[in-house]
């Protein structure tokens, strides 16, 4: 059910579930799909999910070897994380501004 929820944001190519935690790791086909899920997928069945990026190297399913990131890829990922963090900060700021406008609007109508 939760996989179907996140599939709305893009193609999921792999899932790893941990029944003990409980948690699930979703690997999207593209980073853009993953970012869409991170920014707008936290609400599920009237609950707010805790989402985070999974950054550990995972073994290749066929060979069992752990894929290593090159320095260039790591730098690109760091840049993408900075952009994502900036976007999230801007979204939070916009949410706060909307909430403040809502409070002012409600205060205006309660004075009438």
N, C-alpha and C. Protein backbone atom coordinates (compact mmCIF):
# COMPACT_ATOMS: atom_id res chain seq x y z
N UNK A 1 0.82 -1.20 0.00
CA UNK A 1 0.00 0.00 0.00
C UNK A 1 0.86 1.26 0.00
N UNK A 2 1.90 1.30 0.83
CA UNK A 2 2.75 2.48 0.88
C UNK A 2 3.58 2.61 -0.40
N UNK A 3 3.96 1.49 -0.99
CA UNK A 3 4.71 1.53 -2.25
C UNK A 3 3.85 2.15 -3.33
N UNK A 4 2.57 1.80 -3.37
CA UNK A 4 1.65 2.41 -4.35
C UNK A 4 1.55 3.92 -4.14
N UNK A 5 1.56 4.34 -2.89
CA UNK A 5 1.52 5.77 -2.58
C UNK A 5 2.71 6.48 -3.21
N UNK A 6 3.90 5.94 -3.03
CA UNK A 6 5.11 6.58 -3.55
C UNK A 6 5.28 6.37 -5.05
N UNK A 7 4.66 5.36 -5.60
CA UNK A 7 4.74 5.12 -7.05
C UNK A 7 4.08 6.26 -7.83
N UNK A 8 3.23 7.04 -7.18
CA UNK A 8 2.60 8.19 -7.83
C UNK A 8 3.64 9.22 -8.24
N UNK A 9 4.80 9.21 -7.60
CA UNK A 9 5.82 10.22 -7.86
C UNK A 9 6.82 9.79 -8.93
N UNK A 10 6.79 8.53 -9.31
CA UNK A 10 7.69 8.04 -10.34
C UNK A 10 7.97 6.57 -10.17
N UNK A 11 8.64 6.01 -11.16
CA UNK A 11 8.90 4.57 -11.17
C UNK A 11 9.86 4.17 -10.06
N UNK A 12 9.46 3.16 -9.29
CA UNK A 12 10.28 2.59 -8.23
C UNK A 12 10.93 1.33 -8.79
N UNK A 13 12.26 1.26 -8.72
CA UNK A 13 12.95 0.12 -9.30
C UNK A 13 13.36 -0.93 -8.27
N UNK A 14 13.35 -0.56 -6.98
CA UNK A 14 13.73 -1.53 -5.95
C UNK A 14 13.15 -1.11 -4.61
N UNK A 15 12.82 -2.09 -3.79
CA UNK A 15 12.36 -1.82 -2.43
C UNK A 15 13.04 -2.78 -1.47
N UNK A 16 13.37 -2.29 -0.29
CA UNK A 16 13.93 -3.12 0.77
C UNK A 16 13.14 -2.80 2.03
N UNK A 17 12.43 -3.80 2.54
CA UNK A 17 11.61 -3.59 3.73
C UNK A 17 12.31 -4.16 4.96
N UNK A 18 12.16 -3.47 6.07
CA UNK A 18 12.68 -3.93 7.35
C UNK A 18 11.50 -3.99 8.31
N UNK A 19 11.03 -5.19 8.59
CA UNK A 19 9.86 -5.37 9.45
C UNK A 19 10.15 -5.00 10.90
N UNK A 20 11.41 -5.09 11.31
CA UNK A 20 11.78 -4.82 12.70
C UNK A 20 11.63 -3.35 13.04
N UNK A 21 12.08 -2.46 12.13
CA UNK A 21 12.13 -1.02 12.45
C UNK A 21 10.77 -0.38 12.63
N UNK A 22 9.74 -0.47 11.96
CA UNK A 22 9.52 -0.83 10.56
C UNK A 22 9.91 0.33 9.65
N UNK A 23 10.54 -0.02 8.54
CA UNK A 23 10.93 0.99 7.56
C UNK A 23 11.02 0.35 6.19
N UNK A 24 11.13 1.21 5.19
CA UNK A 24 11.26 0.73 3.83
C UNK A 24 12.19 1.68 3.07
N UNK A 25 13.03 1.10 2.24
CA UNK A 25 13.90 1.88 1.38
C UNK A 25 13.36 1.74 -0.03
N UNK A 26 13.09 2.86 -0.66
CA UNK A 26 12.58 2.86 -2.03
C UNK A 26 13.65 3.45 -2.94
N UNK A 27 13.96 2.74 -4.00
CA UNK A 27 14.91 3.25 -4.99
C UNK A 27 14.12 3.63 -6.23
N UNK A 28 14.12 4.92 -6.54
CA UNK A 28 13.42 5.42 -7.71
C UNK A 28 14.31 5.35 -8.95
N UNK A 29 13.69 5.32 -10.10
CA UNK A 29 14.44 5.23 -11.35
C UNK A 29 15.30 6.47 -11.56
N UNK A 30 14.78 7.63 -11.17
CA UNK A 30 15.55 8.86 -11.33
C UNK A 30 15.56 9.66 -10.03
N UNK A 31 16.54 10.49 -9.91
CA UNK A 31 16.64 11.36 -8.73
C UNK A 31 15.45 12.31 -8.68
N UNK A 32 15.01 12.76 -9.85
CA UNK A 32 13.86 13.68 -9.90
C UNK A 32 12.63 13.03 -9.26
N UNK A 33 12.40 11.75 -9.53
CA UNK A 33 11.27 11.05 -8.93
C UNK A 33 11.43 11.00 -7.40
N UNK A 34 12.64 10.69 -6.96
CA UNK A 34 12.90 10.60 -5.52
C UNK A 34 12.69 11.95 -4.83
N UNK A 35 13.13 13.02 -5.49
CA UNK A 35 12.97 14.35 -4.91
C UNK A 35 11.49 14.74 -4.83
N UNK A 36 10.72 14.36 -5.84
CA UNK A 36 9.28 14.63 -5.81
C UNK A 36 8.63 13.90 -4.64
N UNK A 37 9.03 12.67 -4.43
CA UNK A 37 8.48 11.89 -3.31
C UNK A 37 8.88 12.51 -1.97
N UNK A 38 10.12 12.98 -1.88
CA UNK A 38 10.59 13.58 -0.63
C UNK A 38 9.85 14.87 -0.31
N UNK A 39 9.58 15.67 -1.32
CA UNK A 39 8.98 16.98 -1.05
C UNK A 39 7.47 16.92 -0.85
N UNK A 40 6.80 15.96 -1.48
CA UNK A 40 5.33 15.97 -1.38
C UNK A 40 4.71 14.66 -0.94
N UNK A 41 5.51 13.67 -0.59
CA UNK A 41 4.94 12.36 -0.26
C UNK A 41 4.84 12.02 1.20
N UNK A 42 5.09 12.99 2.08
CA UNK A 42 5.15 12.64 3.50
C UNK A 42 3.79 12.38 4.15
N UNK A 43 2.70 12.80 3.52
CA UNK A 43 1.39 12.56 4.10
C UNK A 43 0.78 11.28 3.50
N UNK A 44 0.47 10.32 4.37
CA UNK A 44 -0.05 9.03 3.93
C UNK A 44 -1.07 8.55 4.95
N UNK A 45 -2.29 8.28 4.48
CA UNK A 45 -3.36 7.76 5.35
C UNK A 45 -3.54 8.61 6.61
N UNK A 46 -3.66 9.91 6.43
CA UNK A 46 -3.86 10.85 7.54
C UNK A 46 -2.73 10.82 8.56
N UNK A 47 -1.54 10.39 8.14
CA UNK A 47 -0.37 10.38 9.01
C UNK A 47 0.78 11.09 8.30
N UNK A 48 1.66 11.66 9.09
CA UNK A 48 2.84 12.31 8.54
C UNK A 48 4.02 11.36 8.68
N UNK A 49 4.59 10.95 7.55
CA UNK A 49 5.71 10.02 7.55
C UNK A 49 7.02 10.76 7.76
N UNK A 50 7.98 10.08 8.33
CA UNK A 50 9.33 10.61 8.45
C UNK A 50 10.12 10.07 7.27
N UNK A 51 10.58 10.98 6.42
CA UNK A 51 11.32 10.59 5.22
C UNK A 51 12.75 11.07 5.33
N UNK A 52 13.68 10.29 4.84
CA UNK A 52 15.07 10.71 4.81
C UNK A 52 15.76 10.04 3.63
N UNK A 53 16.89 10.61 3.24
CA UNK A 53 17.67 10.06 2.14
C UNK A 53 18.48 8.89 2.65
N UNK A 54 18.51 7.82 1.89
CA UNK A 54 19.33 6.66 2.22
C UNK A 54 20.62 6.80 1.44
N UNK A 55 21.74 6.98 2.14
CA UNK A 55 23.00 7.29 1.48
C UNK A 55 24.03 6.17 1.53
N UNK A 56 23.72 5.07 2.17
CA UNK A 56 24.71 4.01 2.26
C UNK A 56 24.82 3.25 0.95
N UNK A 57 26.03 2.76 0.67
CA UNK A 57 26.23 1.95 -0.52
C UNK A 57 25.46 0.64 -0.35
N UNK A 58 24.84 0.19 -1.41
CA UNK A 58 24.09 -1.05 -1.35
C UNK A 58 24.72 -2.05 -2.31
N UNK A 59 24.71 -3.33 -1.96
CA UNK A 59 25.33 -4.31 -2.84
C UNK A 59 24.51 -4.50 -4.11
N UNK A 60 25.21 -4.74 -5.19
CA UNK A 60 24.54 -5.07 -6.45
C UNK A 60 23.87 -6.42 -6.26
N UNK A 61 22.61 -6.52 -6.62
CA UNK A 61 21.86 -7.75 -6.36
C UNK A 61 22.41 -8.96 -7.10
N UNK A 62 23.01 -8.75 -8.27
CA UNK A 62 23.51 -9.88 -9.05
C UNK A 62 24.90 -10.31 -8.60
N UNK A 63 25.77 -9.34 -8.32
CA UNK A 63 27.16 -9.68 -8.00
C UNK A 63 27.45 -9.70 -6.52
N UNK A 64 26.65 -9.00 -5.71
CA UNK A 64 26.91 -8.90 -4.29
C UNK A 64 27.99 -7.87 -3.96
N UNK A 65 28.55 -7.23 -4.99
CA UNK A 65 29.58 -6.23 -4.76
C UNK A 65 28.94 -4.90 -4.40
N UNK A 66 29.63 -4.18 -3.54
CA UNK A 66 29.15 -2.86 -3.14
C UNK A 66 29.63 -1.84 -4.17
N UNK A 67 28.68 -1.07 -4.69
CA UNK A 67 29.03 -0.04 -5.66
C UNK A 67 29.67 1.13 -4.92
N UNK A 68 30.76 1.62 -5.43
CA UNK A 68 31.44 2.76 -4.82
C UNK A 68 31.18 4.02 -5.63
N UNK A 69 30.97 5.11 -4.94
CA UNK A 69 30.76 6.39 -5.60
C UNK A 69 32.11 7.03 -5.90
N UNK A 70 32.23 7.60 -7.05
CA UNK A 70 33.43 8.36 -7.35
C UNK A 70 33.34 9.71 -6.67
N UNK A 71 34.47 10.37 -6.54
CA UNK A 71 34.48 11.69 -5.91
C UNK A 71 33.57 12.65 -6.66
N UNK A 72 33.57 12.57 -7.99
CA UNK A 72 32.74 13.45 -8.81
C UNK A 72 31.26 13.22 -8.51
N UNK A 73 30.85 11.97 -8.41
CA UNK A 73 29.45 11.66 -8.12
C UNK A 73 29.09 12.15 -6.73
N UNK A 74 30.00 11.98 -5.78
CA UNK A 74 29.73 12.44 -4.42
C UNK A 74 29.55 13.95 -4.40
N UNK A 75 30.38 14.67 -5.17
CA UNK A 75 30.25 16.13 -5.22
C UNK A 75 28.92 16.52 -5.85
N UNK A 76 28.50 15.80 -6.89
CA UNK A 76 27.21 16.09 -7.52
C UNK A 76 26.08 15.85 -6.52
N UNK A 77 26.18 14.76 -5.76
CA UNK A 77 25.14 14.47 -4.77
C UNK A 77 25.11 15.54 -3.69
N UNK A 78 26.28 16.01 -3.26
CA UNK A 78 26.33 17.07 -2.26
C UNK A 78 25.67 18.34 -2.80
N UNK A 79 25.96 18.67 -4.06
CA UNK A 79 25.34 19.84 -4.68
C UNK A 79 23.82 19.67 -4.74
N UNK A 80 23.37 18.47 -5.10
CA UNK A 80 21.93 18.21 -5.19
C UNK A 80 21.28 18.31 -3.81
N UNK A 81 21.99 17.84 -2.77
CA UNK A 81 21.46 17.95 -1.41
C UNK A 81 21.35 19.41 -0.99
N UNK A 82 22.34 20.23 -1.37
CA UNK A 82 22.27 21.65 -1.04
C UNK A 82 21.10 22.32 -1.72
N UNK A 83 20.88 21.99 -2.99
CA UNK A 83 19.74 22.55 -3.73
C UNK A 83 18.44 22.09 -3.07
N UNK A 84 18.36 20.80 -2.75
CA UNK A 84 17.16 20.28 -2.11
C UNK A 84 16.91 20.97 -0.77
N UNK A 85 17.97 21.13 0.03
CA UNK A 85 17.82 21.79 1.32
C UNK A 85 17.34 23.23 1.16
N UNK A 86 17.85 23.91 0.13
CA UNK A 86 17.43 25.28 -0.14
C UNK A 86 15.96 25.31 -0.54
N UNK A 87 15.55 24.38 -1.39
CA UNK A 87 14.15 24.32 -1.81
C UNK A 87 13.25 24.04 -0.62
N UNK A 88 13.66 23.08 0.23
CA UNK A 88 12.86 22.76 1.41
C UNK A 88 12.76 23.96 2.34
N UNK A 89 13.85 24.71 2.50
CA UNK A 89 13.82 25.91 3.35
C UNK A 89 12.86 26.94 2.78
N UNK A 90 12.89 27.10 1.45
CA UNK A 90 11.98 28.05 0.81
C UNK A 90 10.54 27.61 0.96
N UNK A 91 10.28 26.31 0.86
CA UNK A 91 8.92 25.81 1.04
C UNK A 91 8.44 26.02 2.47
N UNK A 92 9.33 25.78 3.44
CA UNK A 92 8.96 26.00 4.83
C UNK A 92 8.66 27.48 5.08
N UNK A 93 9.47 28.35 4.49
CA UNK A 93 9.25 29.79 4.64
C UNK A 93 7.91 30.19 4.02
N UNK A 94 7.60 29.63 2.86
CA UNK A 94 6.32 29.93 2.21
C UNK A 94 5.16 29.41 3.05
N UNK A 95 5.31 28.22 3.65
CA UNK A 95 4.27 27.67 4.52
C UNK A 95 4.05 28.58 5.73
N UNK A 96 5.15 29.07 6.32
CA UNK A 96 5.03 29.96 7.47
C UNK A 96 4.34 31.26 7.08
N UNK A 97 4.69 31.78 5.91
CA UNK A 97 4.07 33.02 5.43
C UNK A 97 2.57 32.81 5.18
N UNK A 98 2.22 31.67 4.59
CA UNK A 98 0.80 31.38 4.36
C UNK A 98 0.06 31.25 5.69
N UNK A 99 0.68 30.61 6.68
CA UNK A 99 0.04 30.46 7.98
C UNK A 99 -0.15 31.83 8.64
N UNK A 100 0.84 32.71 8.52
CA UNK A 100 0.73 34.05 9.08
C UNK A 100 -0.39 34.83 8.38
N UNK A 101 -0.47 34.71 7.06
CA UNK A 101 -1.55 35.37 6.32
C UNK A 101 -2.91 34.85 6.75
N UNK A 102 -2.99 33.55 6.96
CA UNK A 102 -4.25 32.93 7.41
C UNK A 102 -4.66 33.48 8.77
N UNK A 103 -3.67 33.60 9.69
CA UNK A 103 -3.97 34.14 11.02
C UNK A 103 -4.45 35.59 10.93
N UNK A 104 -3.78 36.40 10.08
CA UNK A 104 -4.21 37.79 9.91
C UNK A 104 -5.61 37.86 9.33
N UNK A 105 -5.90 36.98 8.37
CA UNK A 105 -7.22 36.94 7.74
C UNK A 105 -8.28 36.57 8.77
N UNK A 106 -8.00 35.57 9.58
CA UNK A 106 -8.96 35.16 10.62
C UNK A 106 -9.16 36.27 11.65
N UNK A 107 -8.07 36.95 12.01
CA UNK A 107 -8.18 38.05 12.98
C UNK A 107 -9.02 39.18 12.40
N UNK A 108 -8.86 39.46 11.11
CA UNK A 108 -9.65 40.50 10.46
C UNK A 108 -11.13 40.18 10.52
N UNK A 109 -11.48 38.94 10.17
CA UNK A 109 -12.89 38.57 10.15
C UNK A 109 -13.49 38.48 11.56
N UNK A 110 -12.67 38.16 12.54
CA UNK A 110 -13.21 38.08 13.91
C UNK A 110 -13.46 39.48 14.47
N UNK A 111 -12.80 40.52 13.92
CA UNK A 111 -13.05 41.89 14.38
C UNK A 111 -14.33 42.44 13.79
N UNK A 112 -14.79 41.87 12.66
CA UNK A 112 -15.99 42.42 12.02
C UNK A 112 -17.23 42.06 12.74
